[in-house]
Amino acid sequence: MNAAADSYDVVCVGGALVGSAAAYFLSENPDFDGTIAVIEPDSTYEFAQTSRAQNSIREQFSQPVNIRISQFGMEFIDRFEEVVQVHGHAPEINFRGTGYLFLAADEHDLANLESQMEVQHQEGAHTRLLTPGQVKDEFPYMDVESIAGARMGSMREGSFDGWALLQGFRQRAVHNGVTYITDRVVEVKREGSLVTSVMLESGRSLPCGHVVNAAGPRARVIAHMVGLTVPVEPRARTSFMFDCRTPIDHNVPLTVTPEGVHFRREQHHYMTGGIPDVDVAIDYDDWNIRPDEFEEQIWPTVAKYVPQFDQILKVTSWGGQYAYNTLDHNLIIGPAPDLSNFYFGNGFSGHGMQQSPAVGRGLSELITYGEYRTLDMTPLGYERVLTNTPFLENVVI
């Protein structure tokens, strides 16, 4: 590949996880021999979802395609340090298997967990229902008085170093000849049914053969440049870390409460977050911490299920964003029907970290072959946006 090209076969708009994943898989594919540029306005990634995510992966979804997407992510993480090596070195992914524990408040919740589990089992996921007594036996620190049961995943589910994942994609892509450009896309030019070039804030124009919209919460901005719309907006998500005065000498999986609050052990601390009571679109540059969420929403909820969490100390917190798909909380991937060389990789609604390997591979296949060759993600295509036909994912955190 020509790392100093003036024009590119593929331009990825957004250089964090999804753009870098697409560049990585394209540059690894022996059937693709074109040039690739990744455009990222902030090469430090300080204000990127990737830098502010909670870095977890699960196979507990309600849609089969989402289960398969994360299963590939699990396989990729298993061999990550082998496949992203540069001169014998790779970032350490540090995967920690804990499982996910979904709590049910009542029999209706439990029935939903069970029906979703049937789909999960059909896709080879290792999930199981637990009675309140079984929850107490397995996690003796839990107060089970207010739950009807739970669903537990396998140790294939857990957390990892998301920064390492990004750096692994990026370093290997650069090694393979991908060009990273620190700049901002201000215009995407099209002629009829094709995108022809992107204009950068610096004044530079890059003729190109394909464009990948990997702009995260700003996906709508890039889509508007070519006369398209995408139902993606930034939503505030604050992450909190806390210490517990009383040690817990058991596995603390990523536990999802009926109130929408989740928590898990993170080394010697605990990480938590939740869905804000007022969950609306925010400004693109709003990365503010919402401190009231901890006192008013999160602390009362975690203490309800773990009595030891009644006495905790907040250690730190940081503001983040979800690229939230208001149509159906699901990824949008693939070309626009009337703009065949413009591709979406947007609207992950909090799942981008775990879905990026499969999405990067899928975009690579679409660009190289014009079709999916491994995992068919057609149900997640842009056509459902045009017809306003939701493809709902019901297991959203």
Protein backbone atom coordinates (compact mmCIF):
# COMPACT_ATOMS: atom_id res chain seq x y z
CA MET A 1 0.00 0.00 0.00
CA ASN A 2 1.10 3.57 -0.68
CA ALA A 3 1.18 5.35 2.69
CA ALA A 4 1.65 8.76 1.04
CA ALA A 5 -1.12 8.61 -1.53
CA ASP A 6 -2.98 11.76 -2.65
CA SER A 7 -6.09 9.70 -3.31
CA TYR A 8 -7.36 6.61 -1.55
CA ASP A 9 -9.45 3.61 -2.37
CA VAL A 10 -11.05 3.79 1.09
CA VAL A 11 -11.41 6.69 3.50
CA CYS A 12 -12.64 5.91 7.03
CA VAL A 13 -14.18 8.99 8.64
CA GLY A 14 -13.45 8.47 12.33
CA GLY A 15 -10.20 6.95 13.48
CA ALA A 16 -11.17 5.47 16.80
CA LEU A 17 -12.35 1.90 17.17
CA VAL A 18 -14.70 1.26 14.24
CA GLY A 19 -12.67 3.17 11.67
CA SER A 20 -9.49 1.49 12.84
CA ALA A 21 -11.15 -1.94 12.86
CA ALA A 22 -12.29 -1.47 9.25
CA ALA A 23 -8.80 -0.31 8.25
CA TYR A 24 -7.21 -3.25 10.06
CA PHE A 25 -9.36 -5.92 8.41
CA LEU A 26 -9.05 -4.34 4.96
CA SER A 27 -5.27 -4.17 5.28
CA GLU A 28 -5.13 -7.78 6.50
CA ASN A 29 -7.22 -9.08 3.60
CA PRO A 30 -4.99 -10.44 0.80
CA ASP A 31 -7.82 -9.89 -1.67
CA PHE A 32 -7.75 -6.12 -1.06
CA ASP A 33 -4.74 -4.26 -2.42
CA GLY A 34 -6.02 -0.68 -2.33
CA THR A 35 -4.94 2.35 -0.31
CA ILE A 36 -6.63 3.30 2.96
CA ALA A 37 -6.78 6.55 4.92
CA VAL A 38 -8.28 7.03 8.36
CA ILE A 39 -9.30 10.60 9.24
CA GLU A 40 -9.35 11.44 12.95
CA PRO A 41 -9.52 15.02 14.27
CA ASP A 42 -8.05 14.08 17.67
CA SER A 43 -5.17 11.65 17.47
CA THR A 44 -5.02 11.50 21.30
CA TYR A 45 -8.56 10.04 21.40
CA GLU A 46 -9.18 11.97 24.62
CA PHE A 47 -12.75 12.71 23.56
CA ALA A 48 -13.62 9.42 21.92
CA GLN A 49 -16.14 6.84 23.05
CA THR A 50 -13.36 4.26 23.03
CA SER A 51 -11.34 6.10 25.67
CA ARG A 52 -14.36 6.48 27.93
CA ALA A 53 -16.08 3.12 27.56
CA GLN A 54 -16.42 0.40 30.20
CA ASN A 55 -14.85 -2.22 27.92
CA SER A 56 -17.02 -5.30 28.34
CA ILE A 57 -18.28 -8.07 26.08
CA ARG A 58 -21.25 -10.43 26.33
CA GLU A 59 -23.25 -12.87 24.26
CA GLN A 60 -26.51 -12.19 26.10
CA PHE A 61 -28.53 -10.44 23.40
CA SER A 62 -32.03 -11.03 22.03
CA GLN A 63 -31.21 -10.95 18.30
CA PRO A 64 -29.23 -13.90 16.86
CA VAL A 65 -27.06 -11.63 14.68
CA ASN A 66 -25.95 -9.63 17.74
CA ILE A 67 -25.05 -12.83 19.56
CA ARG A 68 -22.92 -13.96 16.62
CA ILE A 69 -21.28 -10.55 16.34
CA SER A 70 -20.11 -10.69 19.95
CA GLN A 71 -19.09 -14.32 19.67
CA PHE A 72 -16.68 -13.34 16.92
CA GLY A 73 -15.47 -10.53 19.18
CA MET A 74 -14.77 -13.10 21.89
CA GLU A 75 -12.82 -15.26 19.45
CA PHE A 76 -10.86 -12.23 18.25
CA ILE A 77 -9.98 -11.19 21.80
CA ASP A 78 -8.80 -14.75 22.51
CA ARG A 79 -6.16 -14.47 19.78
CA PHE A 80 -5.75 -10.69 19.83
CA GLU A 81 -2.10 -10.54 20.81
CA GLU A 82 -1.25 -13.01 18.05
CA VAL A 83 -3.08 -11.32 15.17
CA VAL A 84 -2.13 -7.68 15.84
CA GLN A 85 1.57 -8.22 16.46
CA VAL A 86 4.05 -5.76 14.99
CA HIS A 87 7.67 -6.96 15.11
CA GLY A 88 6.73 -9.51 17.75
CA HIS A 89 4.98 -7.07 20.07
CA ALA A 90 1.29 -6.41 20.78
CA PRO A 91 -0.69 -4.51 23.41
CA GLU A 92 -1.93 -6.70 26.26
CA ILE A 93 -5.71 -7.10 26.08
CA ASN A 94 -6.00 -8.41 29.69
CA PHE A 95 -9.36 -10.12 29.30
CA ARG A 96 -11.04 -10.96 32.63
CA GLY A 97 -13.87 -13.49 32.46
CA THR A 98 -16.62 -12.80 34.99
CA GLY A 99 -19.89 -13.38 33.17
CA TYR A 100 -22.91 -11.08 33.09
CA LEU A 101 -25.70 -11.45 35.64
CA PHE A 102 -29.11 -10.06 34.64
CA LEU A 103 -31.52 -9.71 37.58
CA ALA A 104 -35.30 -10.11 37.20
CA ALA A 105 -37.60 -8.03 39.41
CA ASP A 106 -40.70 -10.19 38.87
CA GLU A 107 -42.09 -13.13 36.96
CA HIS A 108 -42.62 -11.04 33.84
CA ASP A 109 -38.94 -10.03 33.79
CA LEU A 110 -37.94 -13.64 34.40
CA ALA A 111 -40.09 -14.84 31.48
CA ASN A 112 -38.33 -12.32 29.23
CA LEU A 113 -34.92 -13.57 30.37
CA GLU A 114 -36.00 -17.14 29.66
CA SER A 115 -37.36 -16.43 26.17
CA GLN A 116 -34.16 -14.56 25.28
CA MET A 117 -32.15 -17.47 26.63
CA GLU A 118 -33.82 -19.84 24.18
CA VAL A 119 -32.48 -17.72 21.31
CA GLN A 120 -29.07 -17.54 22.97
CA HIS A 121 -28.89 -21.32 23.31
CA GLN A 122 -29.78 -21.74 19.64
CA GLU A 123 -26.69 -19.66 18.87
CA GLY A 124 -24.44 -21.65 21.19
CA ALA A 125 -24.37 -19.16 24.05
CA HIS A 126 -23.76 -20.59 27.52
CA THR A 127 -26.43 -18.93 29.64
CA ARG A 128 -28.51 -20.32 32.50
CA LEU A 129 -31.44 -19.27 34.67
CA LEU A 130 -30.96 -19.03 38.42
CA THR A 131 -33.55 -19.05 41.17
CA PRO A 132 -33.12 -16.52 43.98
CA GLY A 133 -31.71 -19.32 46.12
CA GLN A 134 -29.19 -20.24 43.46
CA VAL A 135 -28.16 -16.60 43.12
CA LYS A 136 -27.57 -16.49 46.86
CA ASP A 137 -25.55 -19.71 46.78
CA GLU A 138 -23.33 -18.50 43.94
CA PHE A 139 -23.09 -14.87 45.06
CA PRO A 140 -23.58 -14.90 48.84
CA TYR A 141 -23.06 -11.15 49.14
CA MET A 142 -26.29 -10.53 47.17
CA ASP A 143 -29.62 -9.63 48.77
CA VAL A 144 -32.15 -11.64 46.76
CA GLU A 145 -35.32 -10.61 48.58
CA SER A 146 -36.46 -8.32 45.77
CA ILE A 147 -35.67 -10.54 42.75
CA ALA A 148 -37.60 -13.35 41.08
CA GLY A 149 -34.45 -14.89 39.61
CA ALA A 150 -31.60 -14.09 37.24
CA ARG A 151 -29.76 -15.16 34.11
CA MET A 152 -26.03 -15.80 34.24
CA GLY A 153 -23.57 -15.99 31.37
CA SER A 154 -20.36 -17.93 31.03
CA MET A 155 -16.83 -16.84 31.78
CA ARG A 156 -16.47 -16.05 28.06
CA GLU A 157 -18.21 -12.82 29.00
CA GLY A 158 -16.21 -10.21 30.84
CA SER A 159 -14.05 -7.10 30.50
CA PHE A 160 -10.82 -6.17 28.76
CA ASP A 161 -8.54 -3.25 27.96
CA GLY A 162 -10.37 -1.23 25.33
CA TRP A 163 -7.42 1.10 24.79
CA ALA A 164 -5.28 -1.92 23.94
CA LEU A 165 -7.90 -3.08 21.42
CA LEU A 166 -7.80 0.29 19.68
CA GLN A 167 -4.01 0.46 19.71
CA GLY A 168 -3.73 -3.08 18.40
CA PHE A 169 -5.98 -2.30 15.43
CA ARG A 170 -4.21 0.99 14.77
CA GLN A 171 -0.61 -0.18 15.08
CA ARG A 172 -1.13 -3.20 12.89
CA ALA A 173 -3.02 -1.13 10.31
CA VAL A 174 -0.19 1.41 10.16
CA HIS A 175 2.29 -1.45 9.86
CA ASN A 176 0.25 -2.71 6.90
CA GLY A 177 0.45 0.68 5.16
CA VAL A 178 -2.70 2.45 6.31
CA THR A 179 -2.37 6.25 6.53
CA TYR A 180 -3.74 8.06 9.60
CA ILE A 181 -4.47 11.75 9.03
CA THR A 182 -5.14 14.12 11.92
CA ASP A 183 -7.80 16.38 10.44
CA ARG A 184 -11.56 16.83 10.29
CA VAL A 185 -13.86 16.00 7.38
CA VAL A 186 -15.95 19.07 6.52
CA GLU A 187 -17.45 17.93 3.22
CA VAL A 188 -18.12 14.67 1.41
CA LYS A 189 -18.67 15.20 -2.30
CA ARG A 190 -20.88 13.00 -4.38
CA GLU A 191 -21.68 12.79 -8.07
CA GLY A 192 -24.93 10.97 -8.70
CA SER A 193 -24.84 7.60 -6.99
CA LEU A 194 -21.17 7.73 -5.97
CA VAL A 195 -19.04 9.53 -3.42
CA THR A 196 -16.00 11.00 -5.14
CA SER A 197 -13.92 12.80 -2.49
CA VAL A 198 -13.74 14.19 1.02
CA MET A 199 -12.69 17.72 1.90
CA LEU A 200 -10.70 18.26 5.11
CA GLU A 201 -10.69 21.22 7.47
CA SER A 202 -7.07 21.89 6.50
CA GLY A 203 -8.21 22.53 2.93
CA ARG A 204 -6.89 19.24 1.60
CA SER A 205 -9.10 17.28 -0.79
CA LEU A 206 -8.86 13.49 -0.95
CA PRO A 207 -10.36 11.75 -3.99
CA CYS A 208 -11.58 8.31 -2.90
CA GLY A 209 -13.32 5.17 -4.03
CA HIS A 210 -15.22 4.35 -0.83
CA VAL A 211 -16.13 6.23 2.35
CA VAL A 212 -16.87 4.59 5.71
CA ASN A 213 -18.91 6.66 8.14
CA ALA A 214 -17.36 5.65 11.47
CA ALA A 215 -17.97 9.00 13.16
CA GLY A 216 -19.60 7.68 16.33
CA PRO A 217 -22.05 10.18 17.86
CA ARG A 218 -21.38 12.52 14.91
CA ALA A 219 -22.63 9.96 12.38
CA ARG A 220 -25.57 12.18 11.46
CA VAL A 221 -23.25 15.07 10.60
CA ILE A 222 -21.32 12.95 8.08
CA ALA A 223 -24.50 11.42 6.62
CA HIS A 224 -25.99 14.88 6.04
CA MET A 225 -22.96 15.77 3.92
CA VAL A 226 -24.19 13.33 1.26
CA GLY A 227 -27.90 14.11 1.68
CA LEU A 228 -28.71 11.15 3.90
CA THR A 229 -30.01 10.86 7.43
CA VAL A 230 -29.23 8.40 10.17
CA PRO A 231 -31.11 8.15 13.51
CA VAL A 232 -28.02 8.45 15.69
CA GLU A 233 -27.50 11.04 18.43
CA PRO A 234 -25.14 11.48 21.39
CA ARG A 235 -26.53 10.43 24.79
CA ALA A 236 -24.76 11.11 28.08
CA ARG A 237 -23.35 8.17 30.04
CA THR A 238 -21.30 8.76 33.20
CA SER A 239 -19.05 6.04 34.61
CA PHE A 240 -18.19 5.88 38.30
CA MET A 241 -15.56 3.94 40.24
CA PHE A 242 -15.98 3.25 43.95
CA ASP A 243 -14.37 1.36 46.80
CA CYS A 244 -16.26 -0.85 49.25
CA ARG A 245 -15.34 -0.84 52.94
CA THR A 246 -16.25 -4.53 53.33
CA PRO A 247 -14.24 -6.93 51.11
CA ILE A 248 -16.20 -9.27 48.83
CA ASP A 249 -14.34 -12.54 48.35
CA HIS A 250 -16.42 -13.85 45.45
CA ASN A 251 -16.83 -13.19 41.75
CA VAL A 252 -18.69 -9.94 41.10
CA PRO A 253 -19.91 -10.29 37.51
CA LEU A 254 -21.21 -7.40 35.49
CA THR A 255 -24.58 -7.27 37.20
CA VAL A 256 -27.51 -5.58 35.47
CA THR A 257 -30.34 -4.53 37.77
CA PRO A 258 -33.99 -4.05 36.77
CA GLU A 259 -33.52 -0.34 37.48
CA GLY A 260 -31.03 -0.06 34.61
CA VAL A 261 -27.97 0.30 36.84
CA HIS A 262 -25.02 -2.03 36.27
CA PHE A 263 -21.91 -2.73 38.32
CA ARG A 264 -18.87 -5.03 38.29
CA ARG A 265 -15.53 -5.46 39.96
CA GLU A 266 -12.70 -3.63 38.24
CA GLN A 267 -9.44 -4.88 39.74
CA HIS A 268 -9.45 -3.50 43.33
CA HIS A 269 -12.42 -1.19 42.76
CA TYR A 270 -15.97 -1.40 41.40
CA MET A 271 -17.24 0.21 38.22
CA THR A 272 -20.83 1.30 37.79
CA GLY A 273 -23.15 3.34 35.59
CA GLY A 274 -26.74 3.58 34.53
CA ILE A 275 -29.32 5.03 32.17
CA PRO A 276 -30.10 8.62 33.18
CA ASP A 277 -33.64 9.27 34.37
CA VAL A 278 -33.89 11.88 31.61
CA ASP A 279 -32.16 10.28 28.64
CA VAL A 280 -32.09 12.81 25.81
CA ALA A 281 -29.70 13.99 23.11
CA ILE A 282 -26.79 16.16 24.24
CA ASP A 283 -24.31 18.40 22.45
CA TYR A 284 -21.56 16.67 20.51
CA ASP A 285 -18.91 18.28 22.70
CA ASP A 286 -20.67 17.54 25.99
CA TRP A 287 -18.48 15.09 27.94
CA ASN A 288 -19.54 16.41 31.33
CA ILE A 289 -19.86 14.20 34.40
CA ARG A 290 -23.37 13.96 35.86
CA PRO A 291 -22.43 13.64 39.56
CA ASP A 292 -26.01 13.65 40.85
CA GLU A 293 -26.62 10.29 39.17
CA PHE A 294 -24.36 8.58 41.68
CA GLU A 295 -26.06 9.91 44.80
CA GLU A 296 -29.64 9.82 43.56
CA GLN A 297 -29.78 6.79 41.28
CA ILE A 298 -26.77 4.52 41.40
CA TRP A 299 -25.74 4.27 45.05
CA PRO A 300 -29.28 3.45 46.33
CA THR A 301 -29.64 0.79 43.65
CA VAL A 302 -26.33 -1.02 44.14
CA ALA A 303 -26.83 -0.97 47.92
CA LYS A 304 -30.26 -2.52 47.45
CA TYR A 305 -28.75 -5.64 45.92
CA VAL A 306 -25.38 -5.69 47.70
CA PRO A 307 -25.74 -4.61 51.36
CA GLN A 308 -21.96 -4.10 51.64
CA PHE A 309 -22.32 -1.30 49.09
CA ASP A 310 -24.17 0.76 51.70
CA GLN A 311 -20.74 1.99 52.79
CA ILE A 312 -18.70 2.93 49.76
CA LEU A 313 -16.36 5.69 48.66
CA LYS A 314 -16.50 7.17 45.17
CA VAL A 315 -12.97 7.07 43.73
CA THR A 316 -13.35 8.75 40.34
CA SER A 317 -15.79 9.35 37.51
CA TRP A 318 -15.75 10.40 33.87
CA GLY A 319 -18.23 11.52 31.26
CA GLY A 320 -18.91 9.53 28.13
CA GLN A 321 -21.33 9.30 25.23
CA TYR A 322 -23.38 6.61 23.56
CA ALA A 323 -23.88 6.87 19.80
CA TYR A 324 -27.53 6.07 20.36
CA ASN A 325 -29.72 4.67 17.58
CA THR A 326 -33.15 6.10 18.31
CA LEU A 327 -34.83 3.73 15.83
CA ASP A 328 -34.02 0.40 17.49
CA HIS A 329 -30.82 0.61 19.63
CA ASN A 330 -28.98 -1.43 17.01
CA LEU A 331 -25.95 -1.09 14.80
CA ILE A 332 -26.44 0.26 11.26
CA ILE A 333 -23.94 -1.27 8.84
CA GLY A 334 -23.55 -1.39 5.09
CA PRO A 335 -23.99 0.82 2.04
CA ALA A 336 -26.71 3.31 1.33
CA PRO A 337 -28.96 1.89 -1.43
CA ASP A 338 -28.61 5.00 -3.64
CA LEU A 339 -24.97 5.66 -2.75
CA SER A 340 -23.22 2.35 -3.19
CA ASN A 341 -19.72 3.41 -2.09
CA PHE A 342 -20.78 5.15 1.14
CA TYR A 343 -20.90 2.77 4.10
CA PHE A 344 -22.40 3.09 7.57
CA GLY A 345 -20.84 1.73 10.74
CA ASN A 346 -22.93 3.62 13.25
CA GLY A 347 -25.49 3.59 16.07
CA PHE A 348 -23.96 0.97 18.36
CA SER A 349 -25.87 2.30 21.38
CA GLY A 350 -23.14 1.25 23.78
CA HIS A 351 -22.05 -1.96 22.04
CA GLY A 352 -19.31 -0.57 19.79
CA MET A 353 -16.39 -1.91 21.79
CA GLN A 354 -17.51 -5.53 21.66
CA GLN A 355 -18.95 -5.35 18.15
CA SER A 356 -16.02 -3.60 16.46
CA PRO A 357 -14.11 -6.72 15.38
CA ALA A 358 -17.07 -8.22 13.51
CA VAL A 359 -18.10 -4.85 12.10
CA GLY A 360 -14.58 -4.13 10.87
CA ARG A 361 -14.46 -7.53 9.19
CA GLY A 362 -17.95 -7.07 7.72
CA LEU A 363 -17.14 -3.67 6.23
CA SER A 364 -13.94 -5.12 4.79
CA GLU A 365 -15.92 -7.87 3.07
CA LEU A 366 -18.53 -5.48 1.68
CA ILE A 367 -15.86 -3.19 0.24
CA THR A 368 -13.72 -6.02 -1.15
CA TYR A 369 -16.36 -8.47 -2.39
CA GLY A 370 -19.62 -6.52 -2.44
CA GLU A 371 -21.13 -9.02 0.02
CA TYR A 372 -20.67 -10.59 3.44
CA ARG A 373 -18.48 -13.71 3.29
CA THR A 374 -18.50 -14.80 6.94
CA LEU A 375 -21.24 -13.33 9.12
CA ASP A 376 -24.35 -12.03 7.36
CA MET A 377 -25.32 -8.70 8.95
CA THR A 378 -27.96 -7.83 6.36
CA PRO A 379 -30.71 -7.40 9.01
CA LEU A 380 -28.67 -4.48 10.37
CA GLY A 381 -28.55 -2.67 7.02
CA TYR A 382 -29.53 0.92 6.25
CA GLU A 383 -32.71 -0.09 4.41
CA ARG A 384 -34.62 -0.31 7.70
CA VAL A 385 -33.88 3.39 8.30
CA LEU A 386 -35.44 4.30 4.94
CA THR A 387 -38.57 2.27 5.66
CA ASN A 388 -38.68 3.18 9.37
CA THR A 389 -38.76 -0.52 10.26
CA PRO A 390 -37.12 -1.13 13.63
CA PHE A 391 -35.03 -4.26 14.19
CA LEU A 392 -35.22 -4.17 17.95
CA GLU A 393 -32.54 -5.37 20.32
CA ASN A 394 -34.17 -5.85 23.71
CA VAL A 395 -31.05 -6.47 25.80
CA VAL A 396 -29.58 -2.98 25.95
CA ILE A 397 -27.54 -1.65 28.86
